[in-house]
């Protein structure tokens, strides 16, 4: 049971993932992906970029809009080239729209 009413949704998600015995790196990335500054785990920065790409395409969660900034530090620490990332995000969006049509 979670007793601390001051936990963020990311902290709660981390606790759930740890309880489910998910890899520690995954739980850590979930906890810090909203505010990755000064973190050095590539997965944290990659998750931040992915969430930002979803948000910028209209699929973000309400209240999280301010977290997603495509800062050079995130690309560098994630080991991702910004141009390749943009292309991959656009390709993912196209596939997503095809899936929606196919299942709609």
N, C-alpha and C. Protein backbone atom coordinates (compact mmCIF):
# COMPACT_ATOMS: atom_id res chain seq x y z
N UNK A 1 0.85 -1.17 0.00
CA UNK A 1 0.00 0.00 0.00
C UNK A 1 0.89 1.24 0.00
N UNK A 2 0.50 2.23 -0.79
CA UNK A 2 1.23 3.49 -0.83
C UNK A 2 0.60 4.44 0.19
N UNK A 3 1.39 4.90 1.12
CA UNK A 3 0.86 5.74 2.19
C UNK A 3 1.20 7.21 2.05
N UNK A 4 2.13 7.54 1.19
CA UNK A 4 2.60 8.91 1.06
C UNK A 4 1.79 9.65 0.00
N UNK A 5 0.95 10.57 0.42
CA UNK A 5 0.10 11.31 -0.51
C UNK A 5 0.90 12.29 -1.36
N UNK A 6 2.17 12.48 -1.08
CA UNK A 6 2.98 13.43 -1.82
C UNK A 6 3.72 12.80 -2.99
N UNK A 7 3.48 11.54 -3.27
CA UNK A 7 4.16 10.88 -4.38
C UNK A 7 3.64 11.39 -5.71
N UNK A 8 4.55 11.51 -6.68
CA UNK A 8 4.15 11.86 -8.03
C UNK A 8 3.71 10.59 -8.75
N UNK A 9 3.04 10.76 -9.88
CA UNK A 9 2.63 9.59 -10.65
C UNK A 9 3.85 8.79 -11.12
N UNK A 10 4.94 9.48 -11.44
CA UNK A 10 6.16 8.79 -11.88
C UNK A 10 6.75 7.97 -10.73
N UNK A 11 6.69 8.48 -9.51
CA UNK A 11 7.20 7.73 -8.35
C UNK A 11 6.33 6.52 -8.07
N UNK A 12 5.03 6.67 -8.22
CA UNK A 12 4.12 5.54 -8.02
C UNK A 12 4.40 4.47 -9.07
N UNK A 13 4.55 4.90 -10.33
CA UNK A 13 4.85 3.95 -11.40
C UNK A 13 6.15 3.22 -11.12
N UNK A 14 7.16 3.93 -10.63
CA UNK A 14 8.43 3.29 -10.29
C UNK A 14 8.21 2.21 -9.23
N UNK A 15 7.44 2.52 -8.20
CA UNK A 15 7.19 1.55 -7.13
C UNK A 15 6.46 0.32 -7.66
N UNK A 16 5.51 0.52 -8.56
CA UNK A 16 4.79 -0.61 -9.15
C UNK A 16 5.75 -1.47 -9.96
N UNK A 17 6.59 -0.85 -10.76
CA UNK A 17 7.54 -1.61 -11.58
C UNK A 17 8.53 -2.38 -10.73
N UNK A 18 8.99 -1.79 -9.66
CA UNK A 18 9.90 -2.48 -8.75
C UNK A 18 9.18 -3.68 -8.12
N UNK A 19 7.95 -3.46 -7.69
CA UNK A 19 7.16 -4.55 -7.09
C UNK A 19 6.97 -5.69 -8.09
N UNK A 20 6.79 -5.37 -9.34
CA UNK A 20 6.61 -6.38 -10.39
C UNK A 20 7.94 -6.97 -10.85
N UNK A 21 9.03 -6.56 -10.22
CA UNK A 21 10.38 -7.06 -10.52
C UNK A 21 10.86 -6.73 -11.93
N UNK A 22 10.45 -5.57 -12.41
CA UNK A 22 10.94 -5.10 -13.71
C UNK A 22 12.40 -4.67 -13.52
N UNK A 23 13.16 -4.60 -14.60
CA UNK A 23 14.56 -4.18 -14.48
C UNK A 23 14.67 -2.81 -13.79
N UNK A 24 15.65 -2.69 -12.92
CA UNK A 24 15.85 -1.45 -12.17
C UNK A 24 16.03 -0.25 -13.10
N UNK A 25 16.71 -0.45 -14.23
CA UNK A 25 16.93 0.63 -15.18
C UNK A 25 15.60 1.15 -15.74
N UNK A 26 14.65 0.27 -15.96
CA UNK A 26 13.33 0.65 -16.45
C UNK A 26 12.59 1.48 -15.41
N UNK A 27 12.58 1.01 -14.18
CA UNK A 27 11.90 1.73 -13.10
C UNK A 27 12.53 3.11 -12.89
N UNK A 28 13.84 3.17 -12.94
CA UNK A 28 14.55 4.43 -12.78
C UNK A 28 14.20 5.41 -13.91
N UNK A 29 14.14 4.90 -15.12
CA UNK A 29 13.79 5.75 -16.26
C UNK A 29 12.39 6.32 -16.12
N UNK A 30 11.46 5.50 -15.68
CA UNK A 30 10.08 5.96 -15.48
C UNK A 30 10.05 7.06 -14.43
N UNK A 31 10.78 6.88 -13.35
CA UNK A 31 10.75 7.86 -12.26
C UNK A 31 11.30 9.22 -12.70
N UNK A 32 12.34 9.22 -13.51
CA UNK A 32 13.03 10.48 -13.81
C UNK A 32 12.77 11.04 -15.20
N UNK A 33 11.96 10.39 -16.02
CA UNK A 33 11.83 10.84 -17.41
C UNK A 33 11.18 12.21 -17.56
N UNK A 34 10.37 12.63 -16.59
CA UNK A 34 9.75 13.96 -16.69
C UNK A 34 10.77 15.07 -16.45
N UNK A 35 11.70 14.82 -15.58
CA UNK A 35 12.72 15.82 -15.24
C UNK A 35 14.10 15.18 -15.33
N UNK A 36 14.59 14.97 -16.55
CA UNK A 36 15.83 14.22 -16.73
C UNK A 36 17.11 15.01 -16.53
N UNK A 37 17.00 16.31 -16.37
CA UNK A 37 18.20 17.15 -16.29
C UNK A 37 19.18 16.61 -15.23
N UNK A 38 20.43 16.56 -15.57
CA UNK A 38 21.53 16.12 -14.71
C UNK A 38 21.49 14.61 -14.43
N UNK A 39 20.66 13.86 -15.13
CA UNK A 39 20.67 12.40 -15.00
C UNK A 39 21.54 11.87 -16.13
N UNK A 40 22.15 10.70 -15.92
CA UNK A 40 23.09 10.19 -16.91
C UNK A 40 22.71 8.85 -17.49
N UNK A 41 21.51 8.39 -17.23
CA UNK A 41 21.03 7.13 -17.78
C UNK A 41 20.39 7.40 -19.14
N UNK A 42 20.91 6.82 -20.22
CA UNK A 42 20.36 7.09 -21.55
C UNK A 42 18.86 6.80 -21.67
N UNK A 43 18.38 5.77 -20.98
CA UNK A 43 16.98 5.41 -21.09
C UNK A 43 16.06 6.52 -20.55
N UNK A 44 16.50 7.24 -19.53
CA UNK A 44 15.72 8.35 -18.99
C UNK A 44 15.50 9.40 -20.07
N UNK A 45 16.55 9.74 -20.79
CA UNK A 45 16.48 10.78 -21.81
C UNK A 45 15.72 10.30 -23.04
N UNK A 46 15.88 9.03 -23.39
CA UNK A 46 15.15 8.49 -24.53
C UNK A 46 13.65 8.45 -24.23
N UNK A 47 13.28 8.07 -23.03
CA UNK A 47 11.87 8.06 -22.65
C UNK A 47 11.30 9.47 -22.64
N UNK A 48 12.08 10.44 -22.19
CA UNK A 48 11.64 11.84 -22.22
C UNK A 48 11.37 12.28 -23.66
N UNK A 49 12.28 11.95 -24.56
CA UNK A 49 12.11 12.32 -25.95
C UNK A 49 10.89 11.64 -26.56
N UNK A 50 10.70 10.36 -26.26
CA UNK A 50 9.55 9.63 -26.80
C UNK A 50 8.23 10.20 -26.29
N UNK A 51 8.18 10.52 -25.00
CA UNK A 51 6.96 11.12 -24.44
C UNK A 51 6.70 12.48 -25.08
N UNK A 52 7.77 13.23 -25.33
CA UNK A 52 7.62 14.52 -25.99
C UNK A 52 7.10 14.37 -27.40
N UNK A 53 7.60 13.38 -28.12
CA UNK A 53 7.14 13.14 -29.49
C UNK A 53 5.65 12.80 -29.48
N UNK A 54 5.22 11.98 -28.55
CA UNK A 54 3.80 11.63 -28.44
C UNK A 54 2.97 12.86 -28.10
N UNK A 55 3.45 13.65 -27.16
CA UNK A 55 2.72 14.85 -26.75
C UNK A 55 2.59 15.85 -27.90
N UNK A 56 3.67 16.06 -28.63
CA UNK A 56 3.66 17.02 -29.72
C UNK A 56 2.75 16.58 -30.87
N UNK A 57 2.37 15.32 -30.87
CA UNK A 57 1.46 14.81 -31.90
C UNK A 57 0.03 14.67 -31.37
N UNK A 58 -0.19 15.19 -30.15
CA UNK A 58 -1.54 15.20 -29.60
C UNK A 58 -1.90 13.99 -28.76
N UNK A 59 -0.91 13.19 -28.36
CA UNK A 59 -1.18 11.97 -27.61
C UNK A 59 -0.63 12.02 -26.18
N UNK A 60 -0.30 13.20 -25.71
CA UNK A 60 0.24 13.34 -24.36
C UNK A 60 -0.86 13.29 -23.31
N UNK A 61 -0.43 13.22 -22.08
CA UNK A 61 -1.37 13.21 -20.96
C UNK A 61 -1.60 14.64 -20.47
N UNK A 62 -2.82 14.95 -20.10
CA UNK A 62 -3.12 16.30 -19.59
C UNK A 62 -2.24 16.64 -18.39
N UNK A 63 -1.72 17.85 -18.39
CA UNK A 63 -0.89 18.31 -17.29
C UNK A 63 0.59 18.05 -17.44
N UNK A 64 0.97 17.28 -18.44
CA UNK A 64 2.39 16.95 -18.63
C UNK A 64 3.06 17.78 -19.73
N UNK A 65 2.32 18.67 -20.35
CA UNK A 65 2.83 19.41 -21.51
C UNK A 65 4.15 20.12 -21.25
N UNK A 66 4.34 20.67 -20.08
CA UNK A 66 5.54 21.44 -19.78
C UNK A 66 6.82 20.63 -19.61
N UNK A 67 6.69 19.31 -19.53
CA UNK A 67 7.88 18.47 -19.31
C UNK A 67 8.66 18.18 -20.58
N UNK A 68 8.04 18.30 -21.72
CA UNK A 68 8.64 17.78 -22.94
C UNK A 68 9.29 18.88 -23.75
N UNK A 69 10.59 19.00 -23.59
CA UNK A 69 11.38 19.98 -24.33
C UNK A 69 12.51 19.22 -25.03
N UNK A 70 12.61 19.41 -26.31
CA UNK A 70 13.64 18.72 -27.07
C UNK A 70 14.97 19.45 -26.91
N UNK A 71 15.60 19.23 -25.76
CA UNK A 71 16.87 19.89 -25.45
C UNK A 71 18.04 19.06 -25.98
N UNK A 72 19.08 19.74 -26.43
CA UNK A 72 20.26 19.03 -26.93
C UNK A 72 20.80 18.00 -25.95
N UNK A 73 20.77 18.31 -24.66
CA UNK A 73 21.28 17.37 -23.65
C UNK A 73 20.56 16.03 -23.72
N UNK A 74 19.24 16.06 -23.95
CA UNK A 74 18.49 14.80 -24.01
C UNK A 74 18.92 13.95 -25.20
N UNK A 75 19.12 14.60 -26.35
CA UNK A 75 19.57 13.85 -27.53
C UNK A 75 20.96 13.27 -27.31
N UNK A 76 21.84 14.09 -26.76
CA UNK A 76 23.22 13.65 -26.52
C UNK A 76 23.25 12.48 -25.55
N UNK A 77 22.57 12.62 -24.41
CA UNK A 77 22.61 11.58 -23.39
C UNK A 77 21.85 10.32 -23.81
N UNK A 78 20.85 10.48 -24.68
CA UNK A 78 20.13 9.31 -25.19
C UNK A 78 20.91 8.64 -26.31
N UNK A 79 21.91 9.34 -26.85
CA UNK A 79 22.69 8.79 -27.96
C UNK A 79 21.90 8.78 -29.26
N UNK A 80 21.06 9.81 -29.45
CA UNK A 80 20.17 9.88 -30.60
C UNK A 80 20.44 11.16 -31.38
N UNK A 81 20.53 11.03 -32.68
CA UNK A 81 20.67 12.19 -33.55
C UNK A 81 19.29 12.85 -33.71
N UNK A 82 19.19 14.16 -33.49
CA UNK A 82 17.87 14.82 -33.58
C UNK A 82 17.15 14.62 -34.91
N UNK A 83 17.88 14.64 -36.02
CA UNK A 83 17.24 14.45 -37.33
C UNK A 83 16.71 13.02 -37.48
N UNK A 84 17.48 12.04 -37.02
CA UNK A 84 17.01 10.65 -37.08
C UNK A 84 15.81 10.46 -36.16
N UNK A 85 15.86 11.10 -35.01
CA UNK A 85 14.74 11.00 -34.07
C UNK A 85 13.47 11.56 -34.70
N UNK A 86 13.58 12.72 -35.32
CA UNK A 86 12.41 13.34 -35.96
C UNK A 86 11.84 12.41 -37.03
N UNK A 87 12.71 11.84 -37.84
CA UNK A 87 12.26 10.92 -38.88
C UNK A 87 11.58 9.69 -38.30
N UNK A 88 12.15 9.15 -37.24
CA UNK A 88 11.56 7.97 -36.59
C UNK A 88 10.21 8.30 -35.97
N UNK A 89 10.10 9.48 -35.35
CA UNK A 89 8.83 9.89 -34.75
C UNK A 89 7.76 10.07 -35.82
N UNK A 90 8.12 10.65 -36.95
CA UNK A 90 7.17 10.83 -38.04
C UNK A 90 6.74 9.48 -38.61
N UNK A 91 7.69 8.55 -38.75
CA UNK A 91 7.35 7.22 -39.26
C UNK A 91 6.43 6.49 -38.28
N UNK A 92 6.72 6.60 -37.00
CA UNK A 92 5.86 5.96 -35.99
C UNK A 92 4.45 6.54 -36.03
N UNK A 93 4.35 7.84 -36.24
CA UNK A 93 3.05 8.49 -36.32
C UNK A 93 2.26 7.97 -37.52
N UNK A 94 2.93 7.81 -38.65
CA UNK A 94 2.25 7.28 -39.85
C UNK A 94 1.74 5.86 -39.61
N UNK A 95 2.58 5.03 -38.99
CA UNK A 95 2.17 3.65 -38.70
C UNK A 95 1.01 3.64 -37.72
N UNK A 96 1.07 4.49 -36.73
CA UNK A 96 -0.01 4.58 -35.75
C UNK A 96 -1.33 4.93 -36.43
N UNK A 97 -1.31 5.88 -37.34
CA UNK A 97 -2.53 6.27 -38.04
C UNK A 97 -3.05 5.15 -38.93
N UNK A 98 -2.15 4.39 -39.54
CA UNK A 98 -2.59 3.23 -40.34
C UNK A 98 -3.24 2.19 -39.44
N UNK A 99 -2.68 1.97 -38.25
CA UNK A 99 -3.28 1.01 -37.31
C UNK A 99 -4.65 1.45 -36.85
N UNK A 100 -4.81 2.74 -36.60
CA UNK A 100 -6.11 3.27 -36.18
C UNK A 100 -7.15 3.01 -37.27
N UNK A 101 -6.78 3.28 -38.51
CA UNK A 101 -7.71 3.05 -39.62
C UNK A 101 -8.04 1.57 -39.78
N UNK A 102 -7.03 0.73 -39.60
CA UNK A 102 -7.24 -0.70 -39.77
C UNK A 102 -8.12 -1.32 -38.69
N UNK A 103 -8.09 -0.72 -37.51
CA UNK A 103 -8.87 -1.28 -36.40
C UNK A 103 -10.18 -0.52 -36.16
N UNK A 104 -10.35 0.60 -36.86
CA UNK A 104 -11.50 1.48 -36.64
C UNK A 104 -12.72 0.98 -37.28
